[in-house]
Amino acid sequence: MVTDETIREQALEWAVRTGDPDFADWDAFTLWLERSPAHTQAYDRIAAAADEAADLLQSAAPANDDIANDGYADDDPATGETPRPRRWIGGMLALILVALVSLGLWRQMAPDLYTIETAPGEMQVVALGSGSQMRLAGGSRVVLDRDDPRFASLEHGRALFSVRHDESDPFVVTAGQNRIVDVGTVFEVRLDPEAFGVAVSEGAVQFDPDGQDVHVAAGQALRRTPDGYQLADIDPAQVGEWAEGRLTFDAETLAAAAQDLTRATGLRFAVDPASADRVVSGSILVAPVRDDPRSLGPLLGLRVRSQSGGWIIGAR
């Protein structure tokens, strides 16, 4: 597992490299940013610190006009004033200098990130301060900030948030490249390779406010589908019901259902490749399936068989 300190050091390295006018490896940089929301947050912080450090260096530079050809622009002919020196003076050497100075600022400004991760079959309740809390489902991982209790980054799995609304300081959840802003709410977020969704039981959230800007109200769920994001009505009681030991599938792919079953029971479920395109609907209690995985078959019209210490599910 990559530590938060490692991410900070990587962000510093990328800040130095991307500041070089000859830098060309933008594809690798973009892949690093997209690998985790924590990478983007770390890079944004180090970039802000570098800007602040550059301002400090500029303010400390000599104010005489003998250095106009040593990193300063010529006097503005309209005003006769000397503009501020160019930000990156002296190529890579100055970049490294700014990075080293900004490292000290970064350590003061850096978010105090920490990670909570649950094993399959485990659930954890986390107090978020000011009366807000999060329930993290099994097989899930979330990044939080001790300095900002109004932020959470779900890296995979499911989380149920009960949030005290504060219009001046909205609660923000990121999930992959998705951003969800609380509008006074009880809502859950799901992020898996097979599925992404937001469902609301109380209040509302704003999904991707800087892009699609979709309002998801109580009794609604937004899901990612092959055709894009779709908003649909749901029973509010189904939101976060996994925290009470129940799972409901509504035209869910078998792959997504298997992931949920693994997460909830702690048992390993996989899908028979011949049934990869099959979808299922229905509601089940988790405890009986944990005790006897074969009981899942009659409930959802599936075939369930044991294999290599796990369970394979498919069409009958």
C-alpha atoms as a PDB file:
ATOM      1  CA  MET A   1       0.000   0.000   0.000  1.00  0.00           C
ATOM      2  CA  VAL A   2       1.410   3.390  -0.983  1.00  0.00           C
ATOM      3  CA  THR A   3       1.706   5.591   2.079  1.00  0.00           C
ATOM      4  CA  ASP A   4       0.528   9.198   2.221  1.00  0.00           C
ATOM      5  CA  GLU A   5       4.152  10.334   2.675  1.00  0.00           C
ATOM      6  CA  THR A   6       5.151   8.469  -0.490  1.00  0.00           C
ATOM      7  CA  ILE A   7       2.369  10.230  -2.403  1.00  0.00           C
ATOM      8  CA  ARG A   8       3.640  13.592  -1.122  1.00  0.00           C
ATOM      9  CA  GLU A   9       7.172  12.843  -2.290  1.00  0.00           C
ATOM     10  CA  GLN A  10       5.879  11.716  -5.691  1.00  0.00           C
ATOM     11  CA  ALA A  11       3.867  14.930  -5.993  1.00  0.00           C
ATOM     12  CA  LEU A  12       6.975  16.971  -5.240  1.00  0.00           C
ATOM     13  CA  GLU A  13       8.943  15.093  -7.905  1.00  0.00           C
ATOM     14  CA  TRP A  14       6.213  15.632 -10.493  1.00  0.00           C
ATOM     15  CA  ALA A  15       6.024  19.348  -9.590  1.00  0.00           C
ATOM     16  CA  VAL A  16       9.738  19.701 -10.303  1.00  0.00           C
ATOM     17  CA  ARG A  17       9.610  17.673 -13.528  1.00  0.00           C
ATOM     18  CA  THR A  18       6.498  19.306 -15.016  1.00  0.00           C
ATOM     19  CA  GLY A  19       7.943  22.750 -14.299  1.00  0.00           C
ATOM     20  CA  ASP A  20      10.849  22.044 -16.644  1.00  0.00           C
ATOM     21  CA  PRO A  21      10.180  23.705 -20.050  1.00  0.00           C
ATOM     22  CA  ASP A  22      11.602  20.579 -21.739  1.00  0.00           C
ATOM     23  CA  PHE A  23       9.277  18.176 -19.900  1.00  0.00           C
ATOM     24  CA  ALA A  24       7.451  15.894 -22.366  1.00  0.00           C
ATOM     25  CA  ASP A  25       6.205  12.870 -20.426  1.00  0.00           C
ATOM     26  CA  TRP A  26       2.651  14.186 -20.009  1.00  0.00           C
ATOM     27  CA  ASP A  27       1.029  10.792 -20.580  1.00  0.00           C
ATOM     28  CA  ALA A  28       2.835   9.281 -17.570  1.00  0.00           C
ATOM     29  CA  PHE A  29       1.989  12.323 -15.465  1.00  0.00           C
ATOM     30  CA  THR A  30      -1.696  12.080 -16.407  1.00  0.00           C
ATOM     31  CA  LEU A  31      -1.773   8.353 -15.577  1.00  0.00           C
ATOM     32  CA  TRP A  32      -0.246   9.097 -12.169  1.00  0.00           C
ATOM     33  CA  LEU A  33      -2.885  11.767 -11.466  1.00  0.00           C
ATOM     34  CA  GLU A  34      -5.745   9.479 -12.527  1.00  0.00           C
ATOM     35  CA  ARG A  35      -4.530   6.544 -10.455  1.00  0.00           C
ATOM     36  CA  SER A  36      -5.971   8.019  -7.250  1.00  0.00           C
ATOM     37  CA  PRO A  37      -7.782  11.187  -6.107  1.00  0.00           C
ATOM     38  CA  ALA A  38      -5.100  11.445  -3.422  1.00  0.00           C
ATOM     39  CA  HIS A  39      -2.516  12.003  -6.180  1.00  0.00           C
ATOM     40  CA  THR A  40      -4.442  14.965  -7.605  1.00  0.00           C
ATOM     41  CA  GLN A  41      -4.959  16.473  -4.163  1.00  0.00           C
ATOM     42  CA  ALA A  42      -1.262  16.087  -3.301  1.00  0.00           C
ATOM     43  CA  TYR A  43      -0.107  17.632  -6.575  1.00  0.00           C
ATOM     44  CA  ASP A  44      -2.512  20.582  -6.210  1.00  0.00           C
ATOM     45  CA  ARG A  45      -1.172  21.267  -2.715  1.00  0.00           C
ATOM     46  CA  ILE A  46       2.485  21.100  -3.766  1.00  0.00           C
ATOM     47  CA  ALA A  47       1.780  23.316  -6.787  1.00  0.00           C
ATOM     48  CA  ALA A  48       0.151  25.895  -4.518  1.00  0.00           C
ATOM     49  CA  ALA A  49       3.125  25.718  -2.163  1.00  0.00           C
ATOM     50  CA  ALA A  50       5.516  26.161  -5.099  1.00  0.00           C
ATOM     51  CA  ASP A  51       3.641  29.277  -6.197  1.00  0.00           C
ATOM     52  CA  GLU A  52       3.899  30.680  -2.694  1.00  0.00           C
ATOM     53  CA  ALA A  53       7.604  29.874  -2.560  1.00  0.00           C
ATOM     54  CA  ALA A  54       8.151  31.556  -5.930  1.00  0.00           C
ATOM     55  CA  ASP A  55       6.411  34.670  -4.641  1.00  0.00           C
ATOM     56  CA  LEU A  56       8.726  34.666  -1.627  1.00  0.00           C
ATOM     57  CA  LEU A  57      11.793  34.344  -3.863  1.00  0.00           C
ATOM     58  CA  GLN A  58      10.611  37.173  -6.093  1.00  0.00           C
ATOM     59  CA  SER A  59       9.928  39.492  -3.188  1.00  0.00           C
ATOM     60  CA  ALA A  60      13.422  38.824  -1.872  1.00  0.00           C
ATOM     61  CA  ALA A  61      15.121  39.509  -5.251  1.00  0.00           C
ATOM     62  CA  PRO A  62      17.225  42.705  -5.705  1.00  0.00           C
ATOM     63  CA  ALA A  63      15.126  45.655  -6.797  1.00  0.00           C
ATOM     64  CA  ASN A  64      17.752  47.409  -8.991  1.00  0.00           C
ATOM     65  CA  ASP A  65      17.434  47.553 -12.749  1.00  0.00           C
ATOM     66  CA  ASP A  66      20.828  46.034 -13.511  1.00  0.00           C
ATOM     67  CA  ILE A  67      19.293  42.567 -13.715  1.00  0.00           C
ATOM     68  CA  ALA A  68      16.798  43.187 -16.473  1.00  0.00           C
ATOM     69  CA  ASN A  69      18.602  40.653 -18.603  1.00  0.00           C
ATOM     70  CA  ASP A  70      18.928  38.121 -15.799  1.00  0.00           C
ATOM     71  CA  GLY A  71      15.409  36.835 -15.516  1.00  0.00           C
ATOM     72  CA  TYR A  72      13.378  40.083 -15.497  1.00  0.00           C
ATOM     73  CA  ALA A  73      11.243  41.423 -18.309  1.00  0.00           C
ATOM     74  CA  ASP A  74      11.986  44.836 -19.817  1.00  0.00           C
ATOM     75  CA  ASP A  75      10.325  47.941 -18.399  1.00  0.00           C
ATOM     76  CA  ASP A  76       6.781  48.481 -19.585  1.00  0.00           C
ATOM     77  CA  PRO A  77       7.072  51.371 -22.063  1.00  0.00           C
ATOM     78  CA  ALA A  78       3.579  52.564 -21.192  1.00  0.00           C
ATOM     79  CA  THR A  79       4.164  52.883 -17.447  1.00  0.00           C
ATOM     80  CA  GLY A  80       7.936  52.851 -17.067  1.00  0.00           C
ATOM     81  CA  GLU A  81       7.499  50.231 -14.340  1.00  0.00           C
ATOM     82  CA  THR A  82       9.440  47.005 -14.121  1.00  0.00           C
ATOM     83  CA  PRO A  83       7.119  43.994 -14.144  1.00  0.00           C
ATOM     84  CA  ARG A  84       7.519  41.195 -11.623  1.00  0.00           C
ATOM     85  CA  PRO A  85      10.350  38.766 -12.502  1.00  0.00           C
ATOM     86  CA  ARG A  86       9.515  35.696 -14.462  1.00  0.00           C
ATOM     87  CA  ARG A  87       8.400  32.923 -12.136  1.00  0.00           C
ATOM     88  CA  TRP A  88      10.878  30.247 -13.153  1.00  0.00           C
ATOM     89  CA  ILE A  89      14.330  31.825 -13.251  1.00  0.00           C
ATOM     90  CA  GLY A  90      17.364  29.957 -14.459  1.00  0.00           C
ATOM     91  CA  GLY A  91      15.739  26.771 -15.756  1.00  0.00           C
ATOM     92  CA  MET A  92      15.974  23.522 -13.857  1.00  0.00           C
ATOM     93  CA  LEU A  93      18.245  24.897 -11.097  1.00  0.00           C
ATOM     94  CA  ALA A  94      15.613  27.435 -10.075  1.00  0.00           C
ATOM     95  CA  LEU A  95      12.888  24.807 -10.336  1.00  0.00           C
ATOM     96  CA  ILE A  96      14.732  22.598  -7.871  1.00  0.00           C
ATOM     97  CA  LEU A  97      15.324  25.569  -5.587  1.00  0.00           C
ATOM     98  CA  VAL A  98      11.635  26.461  -5.598  1.00  0.00           C
ATOM     99  CA  ALA A  99      10.729  22.821  -5.013  1.00  0.00           C
ATOM    100  CA  LEU A 100      13.067  22.573  -2.038  1.00  0.00           C
ATOM    101  CA  VAL A 101      11.694  25.763  -0.525  1.00  0.00           C
ATOM    102  CA  SER A 102       8.144  24.657  -1.237  1.00  0.00           C
ATOM    103  CA  LEU A 103       8.832  21.319   0.466  1.00  0.00           C
ATOM    104  CA  GLY A 104       9.047  23.161   3.758  1.00  0.00           C
ATOM    105  CA  LEU A 105       5.820  24.998   2.996  1.00  0.00           C
ATOM    106  CA  TRP A 106       4.244  21.746   1.788  1.00  0.00           C
ATOM    107  CA  ARG A 107       4.890  20.026   5.087  1.00  0.00           C
ATOM    108  CA  GLN A 108       3.097  22.881   6.821  1.00  0.00           C
ATOM    109  CA  MET A 109       0.223  22.982   4.318  1.00  0.00           C
ATOM    110  CA  ALA A 110      -0.087  19.250   3.611  1.00  0.00           C
ATOM    111  CA  PRO A 111      -3.392  17.557   4.426  1.00  0.00           C
ATOM    112  CA  ASP A 112      -3.185  15.093   7.289  1.00  0.00           C
ATOM    113  CA  LEU A 113      -4.536  12.178   5.266  1.00  0.00           C
ATOM    114  CA  TYR A 114      -5.255   8.760   6.674  1.00  0.00           C
ATOM    115  CA  THR A 115      -6.800   5.620   5.260  1.00  0.00           C
ATOM    116  CA  ILE A 116      -9.492   3.307   6.591  1.00  0.00           C
ATOM    117  CA  GLU A 117      -9.818  -0.077   4.919  1.00  0.00           C
ATOM    118  CA  THR A 118     -12.163  -2.915   5.808  1.00  0.00           C
ATOM    119  CA  ALA A 119     -11.817  -6.605   5.074  1.00  0.00           C
ATOM    120  CA  PRO A 120     -14.621  -8.456   3.250  1.00  0.00           C
ATOM    121  CA  GLY A 121     -17.360  -9.290   5.734  1.00  0.00           C
ATOM    122  CA  GLU A 122     -16.333  -6.421   8.052  1.00  0.00           C
ATOM    123  CA  MET A 123     -18.125  -3.102   8.577  1.00  0.00           C
ATOM    124  CA  GLN A 124     -16.812  -0.025  10.361  1.00  0.00           C
ATOM    125  CA  VAL A 125     -18.574   3.079  11.706  1.00  0.00           C
ATOM    126  CA  VAL A 126     -16.479   6.269  11.623  1.00  0.00           C
ATOM    127  CA  ALA A 127     -17.382   9.540  13.365  1.00  0.00           C
ATOM    128  CA  LEU A 128     -16.660  12.484  11.068  1.00  0.00           C
ATOM    129  CA  GLY A 129     -17.224  15.279  13.588  1.00  0.00           C
ATOM    130  CA  SER A 130     -20.083  17.755  14.104  1.00  0.00           C
ATOM    131  CA  GLY A 131     -22.629  14.954  14.298  1.00  0.00           C
ATOM    132  CA  SER A 132     -21.735  13.402  10.918  1.00  0.00           C
ATOM    133  CA  GLN A 133     -20.734   9.780  10.478  1.00  0.00           C
ATOM    134  CA  MET A 134     -19.808   7.213   7.845  1.00  0.00           C
ATOM    135  CA  ARG A 135     -20.501   3.479   7.688  1.00  0.00           C
ATOM    136  CA  LEU A 136     -17.910   1.686   5.572  1.00  0.00           C
ATOM    137  CA  ALA A 137     -18.939  -1.635   4.061  1.00  0.00           C
ATOM    138  CA  GLY A 138     -16.689  -4.686   3.933  1.00  0.00           C
ATOM    139  CA  GLY A 139     -13.963  -4.763   1.301  1.00  0.00           C
ATOM    140  CA  SER A 140     -13.880  -0.973   1.084  1.00  0.00           C
ATOM    141  CA  ARG A 141     -11.227   1.728   1.321  1.00  0.00           C
ATOM    142  CA  VAL A 142     -11.623   5.451   2.032  1.00  0.00           C
ATOM    143  CA  VAL A 143      -9.151   8.299   2.501  1.00  0.00           C
ATOM    144  CA  LEU A 144      -9.997  10.984   5.087  1.00  0.00           C
ATOM    145  CA  ASP A 145      -8.304  14.208   6.205  1.00  0.00           C
ATOM    146  CA  ARG A 146      -7.841  14.924   9.913  1.00  0.00           C
ATOM    147  CA  ASP A 147      -7.659  18.641   9.088  1.00  0.00           C
ATOM    148  CA  ASP A 148     -10.842  18.597   7.004  1.00  0.00           C
ATOM    149  CA  PRO A 149     -13.674  16.449   8.420  1.00  0.00           C
ATOM    150  CA  ARG A 150     -15.906  17.634   5.539  1.00  0.00           C
ATOM    151  CA  PHE A 151     -14.054  15.542   2.965  1.00  0.00           C
ATOM    152  CA  ALA A 152     -13.849  11.845   2.066  1.00  0.00           C
ATOM    153  CA  SER A 153     -12.378  10.023  -0.913  1.00  0.00           C
ATOM    154  CA  LEU A 154     -13.849   6.575  -1.575  1.00  0.00           C
ATOM    155  CA  GLU A 155     -11.223   4.545  -3.429  1.00  0.00           C
ATOM    156  CA  HIS A 156     -13.336   1.398  -3.742  1.00  0.00           C
ATOM    157  CA  GLY A 157     -16.313  -0.252  -2.081  1.00  0.00           C
ATOM    158  CA  ARG A 158     -19.411   1.243  -0.459  1.00  0.00           C
ATOM    159  CA  ALA A 159     -19.895   3.930   2.156  1.00  0.00           C
ATOM    160  CA  LEU A 160     -23.045   5.313   3.780  1.00  0.00           C
ATOM    161  CA  PHE A 161     -22.820   8.949   4.919  1.00  0.00           C
ATOM    162  CA  SER A 162     -25.068  10.684   7.442  1.00  0.00           C
ATOM    163  CA  VAL A 163     -24.041  14.311   7.147  1.00  0.00           C
ATOM    164  CA  ARG A 164     -24.931  17.437   9.070  1.00  0.00           C
ATOM    165  CA  HIS A 165     -25.529  20.041   6.391  1.00  0.00           C
ATOM    166  CA  ASP A 166     -23.521  23.269   6.439  1.00  0.00           C
ATOM    167  CA  GLU A 167     -24.144  25.488   3.419  1.00  0.00           C
ATOM    168  CA  SER A 168     -20.976  27.479   4.086  1.00  0.00           C
ATOM    169  CA  ASP A 169     -18.846  24.318   4.294  1.00  0.00           C
ATOM    170  CA  PRO A 170     -20.394  21.541   2.179  1.00  0.00           C
ATOM    171  CA  PHE A 171     -19.383  17.918   2.674  1.00  0.00           C
ATOM    172  CA  VAL A 172     -17.601  16.591  -0.427  1.00  0.00           C
ATOM    173  CA  VAL A 173     -17.049  12.972  -1.467  1.00  0.00           C
ATOM    174  CA  THR A 174     -14.847  11.959  -4.372  1.00  0.00           C
ATOM    175  CA  ALA A 175     -15.098   8.498  -5.922  1.00  0.00           C
ATOM    176  CA  GLY A 176     -12.661   7.960  -8.745  1.00  0.00           C
ATOM    177  CA  GLN A 177     -13.164  10.914 -11.077  1.00  0.00           C
ATOM    178  CA  ASN A 178     -16.634  11.566  -9.640  1.00  0.00           C
ATOM    179  CA  ARG A 179     -17.424  14.364  -7.167  1.00  0.00           C
ATOM    180  CA  ILE A 180     -20.496  14.454  -4.923  1.00  0.00           C
ATOM    181  CA  VAL A 181     -21.471  17.495  -2.836  1.00  0.00           C
ATOM    182  CA  ASP A 182     -23.875  17.185   0.097  1.00  0.00           C
ATOM    183  CA  VAL A 183     -27.041  19.253   0.197  1.00  0.00           C
ATOM    184  CA  GLY A 184     -28.077  18.033   3.668  1.00  0.00           C
ATOM    185  CA  THR A 185     -28.271  14.331   3.499  1.00  0.00           C
ATOM    186  CA  VAL A 186     -28.135  10.619   4.186  1.00  0.00           C
ATOM    187  CA  PHE A 187     -26.630   9.021   1.097  1.00  0.00           C
ATOM    188  CA  GLU A 188     -24.446   6.162  -0.038  1.00  0.00           C
ATOM    189  CA  VAL A 189     -21.706   5.980  -2.644  1.00  0.00           C
ATOM    190  CA  ARG A 190     -20.539   2.834  -4.416  1.00  0.00           C
ATOM    191  CA  LEU A 191     -17.371   2.476  -6.488  1.00  0.00           C
ATOM    192  CA  ASP A 192     -16.231  -0.794  -8.068  1.00  0.00           C
ATOM    193  CA  PRO A 193     -14.717  -1.696 -11.432  1.00  0.00           C
ATOM    194  CA  GLU A 194     -18.150  -3.097 -12.282  1.00  0.00           C
ATOM    195  CA  ALA A 195     -20.333  -0.328 -10.869  1.00  0.00           C
ATOM    196  CA  PHE A 196     -20.620   3.252  -9.676  1.00  0.00           C
ATOM    197  CA  GLY A 197     -23.663   4.784  -8.047  1.00  0.00           C
ATOM    198  CA  VAL A 198     -25.028   7.355  -5.621  1.00  0.00           C
ATOM    199  CA  ALA A 199     -28.305   6.795  -3.761  1.00  0.00           C
ATOM    200  CA  VAL A 200     -30.061   9.206  -1.392  1.00  0.00           C
ATOM    201  CA  SER A 201     -32.513   8.419   1.421  1.00  0.00           C
ATOM    202  CA  GLU A 202     -32.741  11.886   3.014  1.00  0.00           C
ATOM    203  CA  GLY A 203     -32.030  15.353   1.662  1.00  0.00           C
ATOM    204  CA  ALA A 204     -30.101  15.539  -1.603  1.00  0.00           C
ATOM    205  CA  VAL A 205     -26.667  15.600  -3.211  1.00  0.00           C
ATOM    206  CA  GLN A 206     -25.282  17.391  -6.234  1.00  0.00           C
ATOM    207  CA  PHE A 207     -23.368  15.066  -8.541  1.00  0.00           C
ATOM    208  CA  ASP A 208     -20.467  16.535 -10.552  1.00  0.00           C
ATOM    209  CA  PRO A 209     -21.461  20.163  -9.824  1.00  0.00           C
ATOM    210  CA  ASP A 210     -18.766  21.533 -12.162  1.00  0.00           C
ATOM    211  CA  GLY A 211     -19.794  19.279 -15.033  1.00  0.00           C
ATOM    212  CA  GLN A 212     -23.055  17.373 -15.481  1.00  0.00           C
ATOM    213  CA  ASP A 213     -24.472  18.989 -12.329  1.00  0.00           C
ATOM    214  CA  VAL A 214     -27.159  16.379 -11.547  1.00  0.00           C
ATOM    215  CA  HIS A 215     -29.404  16.888  -8.508  1.00  0.00           C
ATOM    216  CA  VAL A 216     -30.085  13.558  -6.784  1.00  0.00           C
ATOM    217  CA  ALA A 217     -32.955  13.849  -4.295  1.00  0.00           C
ATOM    218  CA  ALA A 218     -34.257  11.541  -1.586  1.00  0.00           C
ATOM    219  CA  GLY A 219     -35.661   8.360  -3.137  1.00  0.00           C
ATOM    220  CA  GLN A 220     -33.415   8.621  -6.181  1.00  0.00           C
ATOM    221  CA  ALA A 221     -30.277   6.815  -7.342  1.00  0.00           C
ATOM    222  CA  LEU A 222     -27.777   7.789 -10.004  1.00  0.00           C
ATOM    223  CA  ARG A 223     -25.978   4.875 -11.640  1.00  0.00           C
ATOM    224  CA  ARG A 224     -23.325   4.540 -14.296  1.00  0.00           C
ATOM    225  CA  THR A 225     -24.456   2.367 -17.210  1.00  0.00           C
ATOM    226  CA  PRO A 226     -22.917   1.511 -20.588  1.00  0.00           C
ATOM    227  CA  ASP A 227     -25.073   4.313 -22.017  1.00  0.00           C
ATOM    228  CA  GLY A 228     -23.987   6.922 -19.460  1.00  0.00           C
ATOM    229  CA  TYR A 229     -25.363   8.023 -16.103  1.00  0.00           C
ATOM    230  CA  GLN A 230     -29.023   7.286 -15.383  1.00  0.00           C
ATOM    231  CA  LEU A 231     -31.244   8.683 -12.641  1.00  0.00           C
ATOM    232  CA  ALA A 232     -34.016   6.441 -11.287  1.00  0.00           C
ATOM    233  CA  ASP A 233     -36.455   6.282  -8.388  1.00  0.00           C
ATOM    234  CA  ILE A 234     -35.735   3.847  -5.550  1.00  0.00           C
ATOM    235  CA  ASP A 235     -37.185   2.909  -2.184  1.00  0.00           C
ATOM    236  CA  PRO A 236     -35.341   5.143   0.330  1.00  0.00           C
ATOM    237  CA  ALA A 237     -35.256   2.182   2.720  1.00  0.00           C
ATOM    238  CA  GLN A 238     -32.870   0.411   0.327  1.00  0.00           C
ATOM    239  CA  VAL A 239     -30.191   3.095   0.740  1.00  0.00           C
ATOM    240  CA  GLY A 240     -27.450   1.637   2.922  1.00  0.00           C
ATOM    241  CA  GLU A 241     -29.513  -1.434   3.749  1.00  0.00           C
ATOM    242  CA  TRP A 242     -26.328  -3.509   3.568  1.00  0.00           C
ATOM    243  CA  ALA A 243     -25.466  -1.944   6.943  1.00  0.00           C
ATOM    244  CA  GLU A 244     -28.525  -3.778   8.330  1.00  0.00           C
ATOM    245  CA  GLY A 245     -27.636  -7.112   6.690  1.00  0.00           C
ATOM    246  CA  ARG A 246     -29.698  -6.990   3.494  1.00  0.00           C
ATOM    247  CA  LEU A 247     -28.784  -6.689  -0.183  1.00  0.00           C
ATOM    248  CA  THR A 248     -31.143  -5.730  -3.000  1.00  0.00           C
ATOM    249  CA  PHE A 249     -30.240  -6.217  -6.652  1.00  0.00           C
ATOM    250  CA  ASP A 250     -32.164  -4.306  -9.323  1.00  0.00           C
ATOM    251  CA  ALA A 251     -31.150  -5.550 -12.780  1.00  0.00           C
ATOM    252  CA  GLU A 252     -27.603  -5.871 -11.422  1.00  0.00           C
ATOM    253  CA  THR A 253     -24.901  -7.605 -13.416  1.00  0.00           C
ATOM    254  CA  LEU A 254     -23.703 -10.863 -11.890  1.00  0.00           C
ATOM    255  CA  ALA A 255     -20.201  -9.410 -11.616  1.00  0.00           C
ATOM    256  CA  ALA A 256     -21.463  -6.489  -9.529  1.00  0.00           C
ATOM    257  CA  ALA A 257     -23.668  -8.815  -7.449  1.00  0.00           C
ATOM    258  CA  ALA A 258     -20.710 -11.132  -6.794  1.00  0.00           C
ATOM    259  CA  GLN A 259     -18.633  -8.157  -5.620  1.00  0.00           C
ATOM    260  CA  ASP A 260     -21.398  -7.099  -3.224  1.00  0.00           C
ATOM    261  CA  LEU A 261     -21.817 -10.646  -1.906  1.00  0.00           C
ATOM    262  CA  THR A 262     -18.080 -10.962  -1.271  1.00  0.00           C
ATOM    263  CA  ARG A 263     -18.029  -7.601   0.471  1.00  0.00           C
ATOM    264  CA  ALA A 264     -21.020  -8.386   2.698  1.00  0.00           C
ATOM    265  CA  THR A 265     -20.338 -12.024   3.602  1.00  0.00           C
ATOM    266  CA  GLY A 266     -16.546 -12.235   3.662  1.00  0.00           C
ATOM    267  CA  LEU A 267     -16.797 -15.247   1.345  1.00  0.00           C
ATOM    268  CA  ARG A 268     -15.294 -15.228  -2.127  1.00  0.00           C
ATOM    269  CA  PHE A 269     -17.860 -15.177  -4.944  1.00  0.00           C
ATOM    270  CA  ALA A 270     -17.015 -15.201  -8.637  1.00  0.00           C
ATOM    271  CA  VAL A 271     -19.060 -15.423 -11.833  1.00  0.00           C
ATOM    272  CA  ASP A 272     -19.198 -18.333 -14.244  1.00  0.00           C
ATOM    273  CA  PRO A 273     -17.839 -16.853 -17.520  1.00  0.00           C
ATOM    274  CA  ALA A 274     -20.781 -18.373 -19.392  1.00  0.00           C
ATOM    275  CA  SER A 275     -23.098 -16.126 -17.347  1.00  0.00           C
ATOM    276  CA  ALA A 276     -21.032 -12.944 -17.539  1.00  0.00           C
ATOM    277  CA  ASP A 277     -23.856 -11.000 -19.232  1.00  0.00           C
ATOM    278  CA  ARG A 278     -26.584 -12.212 -16.895  1.00  0.00           C
ATOM    279  CA  VAL A 279     -28.411  -9.682 -14.698  1.00  0.00           C
ATOM    280  CA  VAL A 280     -30.266 -10.436 -11.468  1.00  0.00           C
ATOM    281  CA  SER A 281     -32.967  -8.803  -9.383  1.00  0.00           C
ATOM    282  CA  GLY A 282     -34.139  -9.602  -5.889  1.00  0.00           C
ATOM    283  CA  SER A 283     -33.574  -9.002  -2.187  1.00  0.00           C
ATOM    284  CA  ILE A 284     -31.682 -11.279   0.199  1.00  0.00           C
ATOM    285  CA  LEU A 285     -30.587 -11.409   3.833  1.00  0.00           C
ATOM    286  CA  VAL A 286     -26.825 -11.672   4.176  1.00  0.00           C
ATOM    287  CA  ALA A 287     -26.618 -13.946   7.247  1.00  0.00           C
ATOM    288  CA  PRO A 288     -28.304 -17.022   5.658  1.00  0.00           C
ATOM    289  CA  VAL A 289     -26.083 -16.734   2.591  1.00  0.00           C
ATOM    290  CA  ARG A 290     -23.006 -16.472   4.796  1.00  0.00           C
ATOM    291  CA  ASP A 291     -24.096 -19.639   6.631  1.00  0.00           C
ATOM    292  CA  ASP A 292     -24.993 -21.544   3.453  1.00  0.00           C
ATOM    293  CA  PRO A 293     -23.914 -19.920   0.159  1.00  0.00           C
ATOM    294  CA  ARG A 294     -25.955 -22.456  -1.813  1.00  0.00           C
ATOM    295  CA  SER A 295     -29.129 -20.890  -0.395  1.00  0.00           C
ATOM    296  CA  LEU A 296     -28.471 -17.974  -2.741  1.00  0.00           C
ATOM    297  CA  GLY A 297     -29.424 -20.133  -5.718  1.00  0.00           C
ATOM    298  CA  PRO A 298     -33.182 -20.500  -5.128  1.00  0.00           C
ATOM    299  CA  LEU A 299     -33.450 -16.875  -3.972  1.00  0.00           C
ATOM    300  CA  LEU A 300     -32.140 -15.383  -7.220  1.00  0.00           C
ATOM    301  CA  GLY A 301     -32.658 -18.265  -9.632  1.00  0.00           C
ATOM    302  CA  LEU A 302     -28.937 -18.951  -9.876  1.00  0.00           C
ATOM    303  CA  ARG A 303     -26.654 -21.951  -9.837  1.00  0.00           C
ATOM    304  CA  VAL A 304     -24.105 -21.789  -6.981  1.00  0.00           C
ATOM    305  CA  ARG A 305     -21.226 -24.238  -6.666  1.00  0.00           C
ATOM    306  CA  SER A 306     -18.093 -24.512  -4.579  1.00  0.00           C
ATOM    307  CA  GLN A 307     -14.704 -24.229  -6.266  1.00  0.00           C
ATOM    308  CA  SER A 308     -11.169 -23.726  -4.886  1.00  0.00           C
ATOM    309  CA  GLY A 309     -12.310 -22.328  -1.565  1.00  0.00           C
ATOM    310  CA  GLY A 310     -14.774 -19.915  -3.160  1.00  0.00           C
ATOM    311  CA  TRP A 311     -18.189 -19.923  -4.791  1.00  0.00           C
ATOM    312  CA  ILE A 312     -19.079 -19.695  -8.463  1.00  0.00           C
ATOM    313  CA  ILE A 313     -22.455 -18.265  -9.412  1.00  0.00           C
ATOM    314  CA  GLY A 314     -24.120 -18.482 -12.810  1.00  0.00           C
ATOM    315  CA  ALA A 315     -27.342 -19.076 -14.664  1.00  0.00           C
ATOM    316  CA  ARG A 316     -29.145 -22.355 -14.131  1.00  0.00           C
END
